[in-house]
Amino acid sequence: MSELLEAGMLICFGLSWPMSLAKNIKAHSAKNMSFRFIMLIILGYVAGIGAKIINGTYNYVLAVYFLNLVIVSANLVVYFINKKYDRKYSERLKLTLQENYKQAI
């Protein structure tokens, strides 16, 4: 029964990660993303996987841990891609402001 409840918790979390991933991909910005938060979640899943392996509990719950870890790791990849978008946008904005300032003088 405890494995079923644990799997239920993981599935609930697991359903939220793809939604977060889709939102972050669409946003093209890392402004509302937290590197530390993503890393903390990844560390939690790694700890959960480690506990299952140490206890020798190889079941469907372990598979759900791995699936969630993959999806959260994809969020980490998107974070770095979006940070790159943010830098490019910031550079373009800076150049535009400089051009507008030169034209105003």
PDB file of N, CA and C in Angstrom:
ATOM      1  N   MET A   1       0.820  -1.200   0.000  1.00  0.00           N
ATOM      2  CA  MET A   1       0.000   0.000   0.000  1.00  0.00           C
ATOM      3  C   MET A   1       0.867   1.268   0.000  1.00  0.00           C
ATOM      4  N   SER A   2       1.990   1.227   0.751  1.00  0.00           N
ATOM      5  CA  SER A   2       2.848   2.419   0.807  1.00  0.00           C
ATOM      6  C   SER A   2       3.465   2.713  -0.559  1.00  0.00           C
ATOM      7  N   GLU A   3       3.787   1.677  -1.311  1.00  0.00           N
ATOM      8  CA  GLU A   3       4.349   1.879  -2.648  1.00  0.00           C
ATOM      9  C   GLU A   3       3.320   2.513  -3.579  1.00  0.00           C
ATOM     10  N   LEU A   4       2.056   2.126  -3.423  1.00  0.00           N
ATOM     11  CA  LEU A   4       0.991   2.697  -4.231  1.00  0.00           C
ATOM     12  C   LEU A   4       0.809   4.183  -3.925  1.00  0.00           C
ATOM     13  N   LEU A   5       0.856   4.530  -2.639  1.00  0.00           N
ATOM     14  CA  LEU A   5       0.734   5.940  -2.242  1.00  0.00           C
ATOM     15  C   LEU A   5       1.936   6.754  -2.731  1.00  0.00           C
ATOM     16  N   GLU A   6       3.127   6.160  -2.618  1.00  0.00           N
ATOM     17  CA  GLU A   6       4.333   6.835  -3.100  1.00  0.00           C
ATOM     18  C   GLU A   6       4.261   7.045  -4.611  1.00  0.00           C
ATOM     19  N   ALA A   7       3.798   6.047  -5.321  1.00  0.00           N
ATOM     20  CA  ALA A   7       3.640   6.166  -6.771  1.00  0.00           C
ATOM     21  C   ALA A   7       2.617   7.250  -7.103  1.00  0.00           C
ATOM     22  N   GLY A   8       1.526   7.319  -6.335  1.00  0.00           N
ATOM     23  CA  GLY A   8       0.521   8.364  -6.539  1.00  0.00           C
ATOM     24  C   GLY A   8       1.112   9.750  -6.361  1.00  0.00           C
ATOM     25  N   MET A   9       1.919   9.924  -5.327  1.00  0.00           N
ATOM     26  CA  MET A   9       2.580  11.213  -5.099  1.00  0.00           C
ATOM     27  C   MET A   9       3.507  11.548  -6.261  1.00  0.00           C
ATOM     28  N   LEU A  10       4.271  10.574  -6.709  1.00  0.00           N
ATOM     29  CA  LEU A  10       5.202  10.799  -7.807  1.00  0.00           C
ATOM     30  C   LEU A  10       4.463  11.108  -9.116  1.00  0.00           C
ATOM     31  N   ILE A  11       3.336  10.452  -9.322  1.00  0.00           N
ATOM     32  CA  ILE A  11       2.558  10.715 -10.540  1.00  0.00           C
ATOM     33  C   ILE A  11       2.000  12.131 -10.515  1.00  0.00           C
ATOM     34  N   CYS A  12       1.508  12.566  -9.344  1.00  0.00           N
ATOM     35  CA  CYS A  12       1.002  13.947  -9.232  1.00  0.00           C
ATOM     36  C   CYS A  12       2.107  14.955  -9.524  1.00  0.00           C
ATOM     37  N   PHE A  13       3.280  14.749  -8.937  1.00  0.00           N
ATOM     38  CA  PHE A  13       4.408  15.623  -9.244  1.00  0.00           C
ATOM     39  C   PHE A  13       4.790  15.483 -10.714  1.00  0.00           C
ATOM     40  N   GLY A  14       4.795  14.245 -11.168  1.00  0.00           N
ATOM     41  CA  GLY A  14       5.200  13.964 -12.541  1.00  0.00           C
ATOM     42  C   GLY A  14       4.304  14.617 -13.576  1.00  0.00           C
ATOM     43  N   LEU A  15       3.030  14.774 -13.273  1.00  0.00           N
ATOM     44  CA  LEU A  15       2.120  15.442 -14.207  1.00  0.00           C
ATOM     45  C   LEU A  15       2.374  16.942 -14.269  1.00  0.00           C
ATOM     46  N   SER A  16       2.875  17.498 -13.181  1.00  0.00           N
ATOM     47  CA  SER A  16       3.121  18.948 -13.178  1.00  0.00           C
ATOM     48  C   SER A  16       4.392  19.320 -13.945  1.00  0.00           C
ATOM     49  N   TRP A  17       5.377  18.436 -13.991  1.00  0.00           N
ATOM     50  CA  TRP A  17       6.644  18.770 -14.659  1.00  0.00           C
ATOM     51  C   TRP A  17       6.507  18.970 -16.163  1.00  0.00           C
ATOM     52  N   PRO A  18       5.754  18.128 -16.884  1.00  0.00           N
ATOM     53  CA  PRO A  18       5.599  18.392 -18.319  1.00  0.00           C
ATOM     54  C   PRO A  18       4.881  19.721 -18.590  1.00  0.00           C
ATOM     55  N   MET A  19       3.922  20.080 -17.724  1.00  0.00           N
ATOM     56  CA  MET A  19       3.240  21.368 -17.890  1.00  0.00           C
ATOM     57  C   MET A  19       4.226  22.514 -17.677  1.00  0.00           C
ATOM     58  N   SER A  20       5.061  22.376 -16.671  1.00  0.00           N
ATOM     59  CA  SER A  20       6.084  23.387 -16.407  1.00  0.00           C
ATOM     60  C   SER A  20       7.071  23.467 -17.564  1.00  0.00           C
ATOM     61  N   LEU A  21       7.457  22.321 -18.083  1.00  0.00           N
ATOM     62  CA  LEU A  21       8.392  22.270 -19.204  1.00  0.00           C
ATOM     63  C   LEU A  21       7.804  22.973 -20.425  1.00  0.00           C
ATOM     64  N   ALA A  22       6.549  22.684 -20.741  1.00  0.00           N
ATOM     65  CA  ALA A  22       5.902  23.320 -21.891  1.00  0.00           C
ATOM     66  C   ALA A  22       5.811  24.825 -21.711  1.00  0.00           C
ATOM     67  N   LYS A  23       5.467  25.271 -20.506  1.00  0.00           N
ATOM     68  CA  LYS A  23       5.372  26.703 -20.217  1.00  0.00           C
ATOM     69  C   LYS A  23       6.735  27.379 -20.377  1.00  0.00           C
ATOM     70  N   ASN A  24       7.778  26.723 -19.886  1.00  0.00           N
ATOM     71  CA  ASN A  24       9.122  27.300 -19.965  1.00  0.00           C
ATOM     72  C   ASN A  24       9.645  27.335 -21.393  1.00  0.00           C
ATOM     73  N   ILE A  25       9.316  26.332 -22.184  1.00  0.00           N
ATOM     74  CA  ILE A  25       9.727  26.328 -23.592  1.00  0.00           C
ATOM     75  C   ILE A  25       9.039  27.483 -24.318  1.00  0.00           C
ATOM     76  N   LYS A  26       7.757  27.647 -24.066  1.00  0.00           N
ATOM     77  CA  LYS A  26       6.977  28.692 -24.731  1.00  0.00           C
ATOM     78  C   LYS A  26       7.421  30.093 -24.293  1.00  0.00           C
ATOM     79  N   ALA A  27       7.861  30.241 -23.058  1.00  0.00           N
ATOM     80  CA  ALA A  27       8.214  31.555 -22.512  1.00  0.00           C
ATOM     81  C   ALA A  27       9.463  32.153 -23.154  1.00  0.00           C
ATOM     82  N   HIS A  28      10.403  31.336 -23.579  1.00  0.00           N
ATOM     83  CA  HIS A  28      11.679  31.813 -24.133  1.00  0.00           C
ATOM     84  C   HIS A  28      12.389  32.761 -23.170  1.00  0.00           C
ATOM     85  N   SER A  29      12.190  32.545 -21.876  1.00  0.00           N
ATOM     86  CA  SER A  29      12.841  33.366 -20.867  1.00  0.00           C
ATOM     87  C   SER A  29      13.027  32.546 -19.599  1.00  0.00           C
ATOM     88  N   ALA A  30      14.151  32.763 -18.943  1.00  0.00           N
ATOM     89  CA  ALA A  30      14.426  32.068 -17.690  1.00  0.00           C
ATOM     90  C   ALA A  30      14.092  32.939 -16.490  1.00  0.00           C
ATOM     91  N   LYS A  31      13.444  34.062 -16.726  1.00  0.00           N
ATOM     92  CA  LYS A  31      13.168  35.004 -15.633  1.00  0.00           C
ATOM     93  C   LYS A  31      12.295  34.403 -14.533  1.00  0.00           C
ATOM     94  N   ASN A  32      11.385  33.517 -14.863  1.00  0.00           N
ATOM     95  CA  ASN A  32      10.519  32.901 -13.854  1.00  0.00           C
ATOM     96  C   ASN A  32      10.960  31.491 -13.490  1.00  0.00           C
ATOM     97  N   MET A  33      12.189  31.146 -13.830  1.00  0.00           N
ATOM     98  CA  MET A  33      12.726  29.828 -13.512  1.00  0.00           C
ATOM     99  C   MET A  33      13.815  29.992 -12.451  1.00  0.00           C
ATOM    100  N   SER A  34      13.974  28.984 -11.633  1.00  0.00           N
ATOM    101  CA  SER A  34      14.984  29.016 -10.585  1.00  0.00           C
ATOM    102  C   SER A  34      15.924  27.824 -10.739  1.00  0.00           C
ATOM    103  N   PHE A  35      17.181  28.113 -11.031  1.00  0.00           N
ATOM    104  CA  PHE A  35      18.191  27.066 -11.162  1.00  0.00           C
ATOM    105  C   PHE A  35      18.297  26.263  -9.867  1.00  0.00           C
ATOM    106  N   ARG A  36      18.333  26.963  -8.732  1.00  0.00           N
ATOM    107  CA  ARG A  36      18.474  26.278  -7.437  1.00  0.00           C
ATOM    108  C   ARG A  36      17.293  25.349  -7.167  1.00  0.00           C
ATOM    109  N   PHE A  37      16.091  25.804  -7.496  1.00  0.00           N
ATOM    110  CA  PHE A  37      14.903  24.983  -7.285  1.00  0.00           C
ATOM    111  C   PHE A  37      14.964  23.720  -8.135  1.00  0.00           C
ATOM    112  N   ILE A  38      15.307  23.878  -9.406  1.00  0.00           N
ATOM    113  CA  ILE A  38      15.394  22.722 -10.298  1.00  0.00           C
ATOM    114  C   ILE A  38      16.448  21.738  -9.786  1.00  0.00           C
ATOM    115  N   MET A  39      17.595  22.255  -9.368  1.00  0.00           N
ATOM    116  CA  MET A  39      18.656  21.377  -8.861  1.00  0.00           C
ATOM    117  C   MET A  39      18.227  20.677  -7.573  1.00  0.00           C
ATOM    118  N   LEU A  40      17.476  21.366  -6.713  1.00  0.00           N
ATOM    119  CA  LEU A  40      16.989  20.764  -5.477  1.00  0.00           C
ATOM    120  C   LEU A  40      16.021  19.617  -5.784  1.00  0.00           C
ATOM    121  N   ILE A  41      15.155  19.814  -6.758  1.00  0.00           N
ATOM    122  CA  ILE A  41      14.223  18.757  -7.157  1.00  0.00           C
ATOM    123  C   ILE A  41      14.987  17.564  -7.744  1.00  0.00           C
ATOM    124  N   ILE A  42      15.965  17.854  -8.600  1.00  0.00           N
ATOM    125  CA  ILE A  42      16.778  16.776  -9.171  1.00  0.00           C
ATOM    126  C   ILE A  42      17.480  16.001  -8.063  1.00  0.00           C
ATOM    127  N   LEU A  43      18.052  16.714  -7.105  1.00  0.00           N
ATOM    128  CA  LEU A  43      18.727  16.061  -5.975  1.00  0.00           C
ATOM    129  C   LEU A  43      17.745  15.183  -5.203  1.00  0.00           C
ATOM    130  N   GLY A  44      16.526  15.656  -5.012  1.00  0.00           N
ATOM    131  CA  GLY A  44      15.511  14.867  -4.318  1.00  0.00           C
ATOM    132  C   GLY A  44      15.182  13.583  -5.055  1.00  0.00           C
ATOM    133  N   TYR A  45      15.033  13.668  -6.378  1.00  0.00           N
ATOM    134  CA  TYR A  45      14.758  12.459  -7.161  1.00  0.00           C
ATOM    135  C   TYR A  45      15.949  11.500  -7.143  1.00  0.00           C
ATOM    136  N   VAL A  46      17.157  12.028  -7.206  1.00  0.00           N
ATOM    137  CA  VAL A  46      18.351  11.177  -7.134  1.00  0.00           C
ATOM    138  C   VAL A  46      18.411  10.486  -5.777  1.00  0.00           C
ATOM    139  N   ALA A  47      18.064  11.202  -4.708  1.00  0.00           N
ATOM    140  CA  ALA A  47      18.041  10.597  -3.372  1.00  0.00           C
ATOM    141  C   ALA A  47      16.983   9.495  -3.297  1.00  0.00           C
ATOM    142  N   GLY A  48      15.818   9.760  -3.867  1.00  0.00           N
ATOM    143  CA  GLY A  48      14.760   8.751  -3.875  1.00  0.00           C
ATOM    144  C   GLY A  48      15.161   7.511  -4.649  1.00  0.00           C
ATOM    145  N   ILE A  49      15.801   7.722  -5.791  1.00  0.00           N
ATOM    146  CA  ILE A  49      16.285   6.594  -6.597  1.00  0.00           C
ATOM    147  C   ILE A  49      17.357   5.826  -5.826  1.00  0.00           C
ATOM    148  N   GLY A  50      18.262   6.581  -5.203  1.00  0.00           N
ATOM    149  CA  GLY A  50      19.313   5.941  -4.405  1.00  0.00           C
ATOM    150  C   GLY A  50      18.740   5.108  -3.266  1.00  0.00           C
ATOM    151  N   ALA A  51      17.709   5.624  -2.596  1.00  0.00           N
ATOM    152  CA  ALA A  51      17.080   4.875  -1.499  1.00  0.00           C
ATOM    153  C   ALA A  51      16.456   3.584  -2.017  1.00  0.00           C
ATOM    154  N   LYS A  52      15.802   3.657  -3.170  1.00  0.00           N
ATOM    155  CA  LYS A  52      15.186   2.453  -3.748  1.00  0.00           C
ATOM    156  C   LYS A  52      16.257   1.418  -4.104  1.00  0.00           C
ATOM    157  N   ILE A  53      17.369   1.880  -4.674  1.00  0.00           N
ATOM    158  CA  ILE A  53      18.442   0.958  -5.069  1.00  0.00           C
ATOM    159  C   ILE A  53      19.102   0.341  -3.837  1.00  0.00           C
ATOM    160  N   ILE A  54      19.385   1.161  -2.824  1.00  0.00           N
ATOM    161  CA  ILE A  54      20.025   0.654  -1.599  1.00  0.00           C
ATOM    162  C   ILE A  54      19.138  -0.373  -0.906  1.00  0.00           C
ATOM    163  N   ASN A  55      17.804  -0.102  -0.905  1.00  0.00           N
ATOM    164  CA  ASN A  55      16.871  -1.036  -0.267  1.00  0.00           C
ATOM    165  C   ASN A  55      16.554  -2.237  -1.147  1.00  0.00           C
ATOM    166  N   GLY A  56      17.016  -2.210  -2.399  1.00  0.00           N
ATOM    167  CA  GLY A  56      16.740  -3.303  -3.316  1.00  0.00           C
ATOM    168  C   GLY A  56      15.288  -3.347  -3.765  1.00  0.00           C
ATOM    169  N   THR A  57      14.625  -2.195  -3.734  1.00  0.00           N
ATOM    170  CA  THR A  57      13.213  -2.112  -4.115  1.00  0.00           C
ATOM    171  C   THR A  57      13.109  -1.727  -5.577  1.00  0.00           C
ATOM    172  N   TYR A  58      13.182  -2.723  -6.432  1.00  0.00           N
ATOM    173  CA  TYR A  58      13.101  -2.485  -7.873  1.00  0.00           C
ATOM    174  C   TYR A  58      11.667  -2.765  -8.326  1.00  0.00           C
ATOM    175  N   ASN A  59      10.881  -1.693  -8.464  1.00  0.00           N
ATOM    176  CA  ASN A  59       9.492  -1.851  -8.880  1.00  0.00           C
ATOM    177  C   ASN A  59       9.070  -0.666  -9.743  1.00  0.00           C
ATOM    178  N   TYR A  60       7.785  -0.589 -10.013  1.00  0.00           N
ATOM    179  CA  TYR A  60       7.275   0.481 -10.875  1.00  0.00           C
ATOM    180  C   TYR A  60       7.508   1.867 -10.289  1.00  0.00           C
ATOM    181  N   VAL A  61       7.608   1.978  -8.974  1.00  0.00           N
ATOM    182  CA  VAL A  61       7.845   3.285  -8.342  1.00  0.00           C
ATOM    183  C   VAL A  61       9.213   3.817  -8.765  1.00  0.00           C
ATOM    184  N   LEU A  62      10.193   2.943  -8.841  1.00  0.00           N
ATOM    185  CA  LEU A  62      11.534   3.339  -9.283  1.00  0.00           C
ATOM    186  C   LEU A  62      11.480   3.878 -10.712  1.00  0.00           C
ATOM    187  N   ALA A  63      10.678   3.258 -11.552  1.00  0.00           N
ATOM    188  CA  ALA A  63      10.521   3.728 -12.933  1.00  0.00           C
ATOM    189  C   ALA A  63       9.913   5.123 -12.963  1.00  0.00           C
ATOM    190  N   VAL A  64       8.964   5.388 -12.067  1.00  0.00           N
ATOM    191  CA  VAL A  64       8.338   6.724 -12.012  1.00  0.00           C
ATOM    192  C   VAL A  64       9.362   7.763 -11.543  1.00  0.00           C
ATOM    193  N   TYR A  65      10.207   7.385 -10.577  1.00  0.00           N
ATOM    194  CA  TYR A  65      11.286   8.284 -10.155  1.00  0.00           C
ATOM    195  C   TYR A  65      12.171   8.654 -11.346  1.00  0.00           C
ATOM    196  N   PHE A  66      12.564   7.664 -12.125  1.00  0.00           N
ATOM    197  CA  PHE A  66      13.430   7.924 -13.282  1.00  0.00           C
ATOM    198  C   PHE A  66      12.729   8.802 -14.319  1.00  0.00           C
ATOM    199  N   LEU A  67      11.464   8.533 -14.583  1.00  0.00           N
ATOM    200  CA  LEU A  67      10.709   9.337 -15.540  1.00  0.00           C
ATOM    201  C   LEU A  67      10.649  10.798 -15.089  1.00  0.00           C
ATOM    202  N   ASN A  68      10.339  11.017 -13.819  1.00  0.00           N
ATOM    203  CA  ASN A  68      10.292  12.383 -13.294  1.00  0.00           C
ATOM    204  C   ASN A  68      11.664  13.059 -13.367  1.00  0.00           C
ATOM    205  N   LEU A  69      12.709  12.300 -13.071  1.00  0.00           N
ATOM    206  CA  LEU A  69      14.069  12.847 -13.135  1.00  0.00           C
ATOM    207  C   LEU A  69      14.402  13.301 -14.552  1.00  0.00           C
ATOM    208  N   VAL A  70      14.007  12.531 -15.536  1.00  0.00           N
ATOM    209  CA  VAL A  70      14.262  12.892 -16.937  1.00  0.00           C
ATOM    210  C   VAL A  70      13.527  14.188 -17.297  1.00  0.00           C
ATOM    211  N   ILE A  71      12.280  14.294 -16.884  1.00  0.00           N
ATOM    212  CA  ILE A  71      11.486  15.479 -17.231  1.00  0.00           C
ATOM    213  C   ILE A  71      12.022  16.716 -16.527  1.00  0.00           C
ATOM    214  N   VAL A  72      12.379  16.585 -15.249  1.00  0.00           N
ATOM    215  CA  VAL A  72      12.943  17.737 -14.528  1.00  0.00           C
ATOM    216  C   VAL A  72      14.298  18.111 -15.120  1.00  0.00           C
ATOM    217  N   SER A  73      15.078  17.127 -15.532  1.00  0.00           N
ATOM    218  CA  SER A  73      16.364  17.413 -16.176  1.00  0.00           C
ATOM    219  C   SER A  73      16.162  18.144 -17.499  1.00  0.00           C
ATOM    220  N   ALA A  74      15.086  17.825 -18.203  1.00  0.00           N
ATOM    221  CA  ALA A  74      14.760  18.567 -19.430  1.00  0.00           C
ATOM    222  C   ALA A  74      14.467  20.021 -19.092  1.00  0.00           C
ATOM    223  N   ASN A  75      13.827  20.260 -17.955  1.00  0.00           N
ATOM    224  CA  ASN A  75      13.595  21.641 -17.504  1.00  0.00           C
ATOM    225  C   ASN A  75      14.918  22.365 -17.263  1.00  0.00           C
ATOM    226  N   LEU A  76      15.905  21.645 -16.774  1.00  0.00           N
ATOM    227  CA  LEU A  76      17.224  22.244 -16.556  1.00  0.00           C
ATOM    228  C   LEU A  76      17.852  22.648 -17.890  1.00  0.00           C
ATOM    229  N   VAL A  77      17.726  21.800 -18.885  1.00  0.00           N
ATOM    230  CA  VAL A  77      18.240  22.120 -20.225  1.00  0.00           C
ATOM    231  C   VAL A  77      17.535  23.366 -20.764  1.00  0.00           C
ATOM    232  N   VAL A  78      16.218  23.413 -20.617  1.00  0.00           N
ATOM    233  CA  VAL A  78      15.441  24.569 -21.092  1.00  0.00           C
ATOM    234  C   VAL A  78      15.851  25.831 -20.329  1.00  0.00           C
ATOM    235  N   TYR A  79      16.182  25.698 -19.056  1.00  0.00           N
ATOM    236  CA  TYR A  79      16.646  26.851 -18.275  1.00  0.00           C
ATOM    237  C   TYR A  79      17.865  27.492 -18.940  1.00  0.00           C
ATOM    238  N   PHE A  80      18.841  26.677 -19.320  1.00  0.00           N
ATOM    239  CA  PHE A  80      20.053  27.222 -19.933  1.00  0.00           C
ATOM    240  C   PHE A  80      19.776  27.777 -21.335  1.00  0.00           C
ATOM    241  N   ILE A  81      18.907  27.147 -22.075  1.00  0.00           N
ATOM    242  CA  ILE A  81      18.519  27.679 -23.388  1.00  0.00           C
ATOM    243  C   ILE A  81      17.835  29.034 -23.214  1.00  0.00           C
ATOM    244  N   ASN A  82      16.934  29.113 -22.233  1.00  0.00           N
ATOM    245  CA  ASN A  82      16.220  30.370 -21.998  1.00  0.00           C
ATOM    246  C   ASN A  82      17.138  31.461 -21.461  1.00  0.00           C
ATOM    247  N   LYS A  83      18.149  31.091 -20.676  1.00  0.00           N
ATOM    248  CA  LYS A  83      19.134  32.088 -20.220  1.00  0.00           C
ATOM    249  C   LYS A  83      19.855  32.682 -21.428  1.00  0.00           C
ATOM    250  N   LYS A  84      20.129  31.857 -22.425  1.00  0.00           N
ATOM    251  CA  LYS A  84      20.766  32.327 -23.654  1.00  0.00           C
ATOM    252  C   LYS A  84      19.845  33.306 -24.385  1.00  0.00           C
ATOM    253  N   TYR A  85      18.548  32.968 -24.468  1.00  0.00           N
ATOM    254  CA  TYR A  85      17.573  33.886 -25.066  1.00  0.00           C
ATOM    255  C   TYR A  85      17.545  35.213 -24.310  1.00  0.00           C
ATOM    256  N   ASP A  86      17.580  35.141 -22.989  1.00  0.00           N
ATOM    257  CA  ASP A  86      17.555  36.360 -22.173  1.00  0.00           C
ATOM    258  C   ASP A  86      18.762  37.249 -22.457  1.00  0.00           C
ATOM    259  N   ARG A  87      19.942  36.632 -22.590  1.00  0.00           N
ATOM    260  CA  ARG A  87      21.152  37.409 -22.887  1.00  0.00           C
ATOM    261  C   ARG A  87      21.046  38.083 -24.256  1.00  0.00           C
ATOM    262  N   LYS A  88      20.563  37.334 -25.253  1.00  0.00           N
ATOM    263  CA  LYS A  88      20.412  37.901 -26.598  1.00  0.00           C
ATOM    264  C   LYS A  88      19.415  39.045 -26.593  1.00  0.00           C
ATOM    265  N   TYR A  89      18.296  38.871 -25.892  1.00  0.00           N
ATOM    266  CA  TYR A  89      17.285  39.918 -25.823  1.00  0.00           C
ATOM    267  C   TYR A  89      17.845  41.159 -25.139  1.00  0.00           C
ATOM    268  N   SER A  90      18.588  40.954 -24.071  1.00  0.00           N
ATOM    269  CA  SER A  90      19.182  42.065 -23.335  1.00  0.00           C
ATOM    270  C   SER A  90      20.173  42.831 -24.213  1.00  0.00           C
ATOM    271  N   GLU A  91      20.977  42.102 -24.986  1.00  0.00           N
ATOM    272  CA  GLU A  91      21.941  42.751 -25.882  1.00  0.00           C
ATOM    273  C   GLU A  91      21.223  43.552 -26.972  1.00  0.00           C
ATOM    274  N   ARG A  92      20.158  42.972 -27.558  1.00  0.00           N
ATOM    275  CA  ARG A  92      19.398  43.683 -28.593  1.00  0.00           C
ATOM    276  C   ARG A  92      18.736  44.930 -28.024  1.00  0.00           C
ATOM    277  N   LEU A  93      18.211  44.815 -26.824  1.00  0.00           N
ATOM    278  CA  LEU A  93      17.563  45.959 -26.184  1.00  0.00           C
ATOM    279  C   LEU A  93      18.582  47.059 -25.915  1.00  0.00           C
ATOM    280  N   LYS A  94      19.748  46.685 -25.470  1.00  0.00           N
ATOM    281  CA  LYS A  94      20.812  47.657 -25.198  1.00  0.00           C
ATOM    282  C   LYS A  94      21.214  48.375 -26.489  1.00  0.00           C
ATOM    283  N   LEU A  95      21.388  47.624 -27.579  1.00  0.00           N
ATOM    284  CA  LEU A  95      21.748  48.235 -28.864  1.00  0.00           C
ATOM    285  C   LEU A  95      20.647  49.170 -29.361  1.00  0.00           C
ATOM    286  N   THR A  96      19.406  48.765 -29.215  1.00  0.00           N
ATOM    287  CA  THR A  96      18.277  49.598 -29.638  1.00  0.00           C
ATOM    288  C   THR A  96      18.239  50.892 -28.844  1.00  0.00           C
ATOM    289  N   LEU A  97      18.449  50.804 -27.553  1.00  0.00           N
ATOM    290  CA  LEU A  97      18.452  52.004 -26.716  1.00  0.00           C
ATOM    291  C   LEU A  97      19.603  52.935 -27.092  1.00  0.00           C
ATOM    292  N   GLN A  98      20.763  52.350 -27.396  1.00  0.00           N
ATOM    293  CA  GLN A  98      21.915  53.168 -27.806  1.00  0.00           C
ATOM    294  C   GLN A  98      21.617  53.868 -29.135  1.00  0.00           C
ATOM    295  N   GLU A  99      21.022  53.162 -30.081  1.00  0.00           N
ATOM    296  CA  GLU A  99      20.683  53.758 -31.387  1.00  0.00           C
ATOM    297  C   GLU A  99      19.657  54.865 -31.206  1.00  0.00           C
ATOM    298  N   ASN A 100      18.651  54.632 -30.377  1.00  0.00           N
ATOM    299  CA  ASN A 100      17.630  55.650 -30.141  1.00  0.00           C
ATOM    300  C   ASN A 100      18.226  56.883 -29.470  1.00  0.00           C
ATOM    301  N   TYR A 101      19.174  56.676 -28.573  1.00  0.00           N
ATOM    302  CA  TYR A 101      19.826  57.790 -27.897  1.00  0.00           C
ATOM    303  C   TYR A 101      20.637  58.604 -28.888  1.00  0.00           C
ATOM    304  N   LYS A 102      21.367  57.911 -29.792  1.00  0.00           N
ATOM    305  CA  LYS A 102      22.170  58.616 -30.805  1.00  0.00           C
ATOM    306  C   LYS A 102      21.283  59.424 -31.743  1.00  0.00           C
ATOM    307  N   GLN A 103      20.126  58.882 -32.101  1.00  0.00           N
ATOM    308  CA  GLN A 103      19.207  59.585 -32.989  1.00  0.00           C
ATOM    309  C   GLN A 103      18.581  60.797 -32.310  1.00  0.00           C
ATOM    310  N   ALA A 104      18.416  60.711 -30.994  1.00  0.00           N
ATOM    311  CA  ALA A 104      17.788  61.807 -30.264  1.00  0.00           C
ATOM    312  C   ALA A 104      18.740  62.988 -30.083  1.00  0.00           C
ATOM    313  N   ILE A 105      20.029  62.724 -30.187  1.00  0.00           N
ATOM    314  CA  ILE A 105      21.024  63.796 -29.976  1.00  0.00           C
ATOM    315  C   ILE A 105      21.171  64.647 -31.181  1.00  0.00           C
TER     316      ILE A 105
END
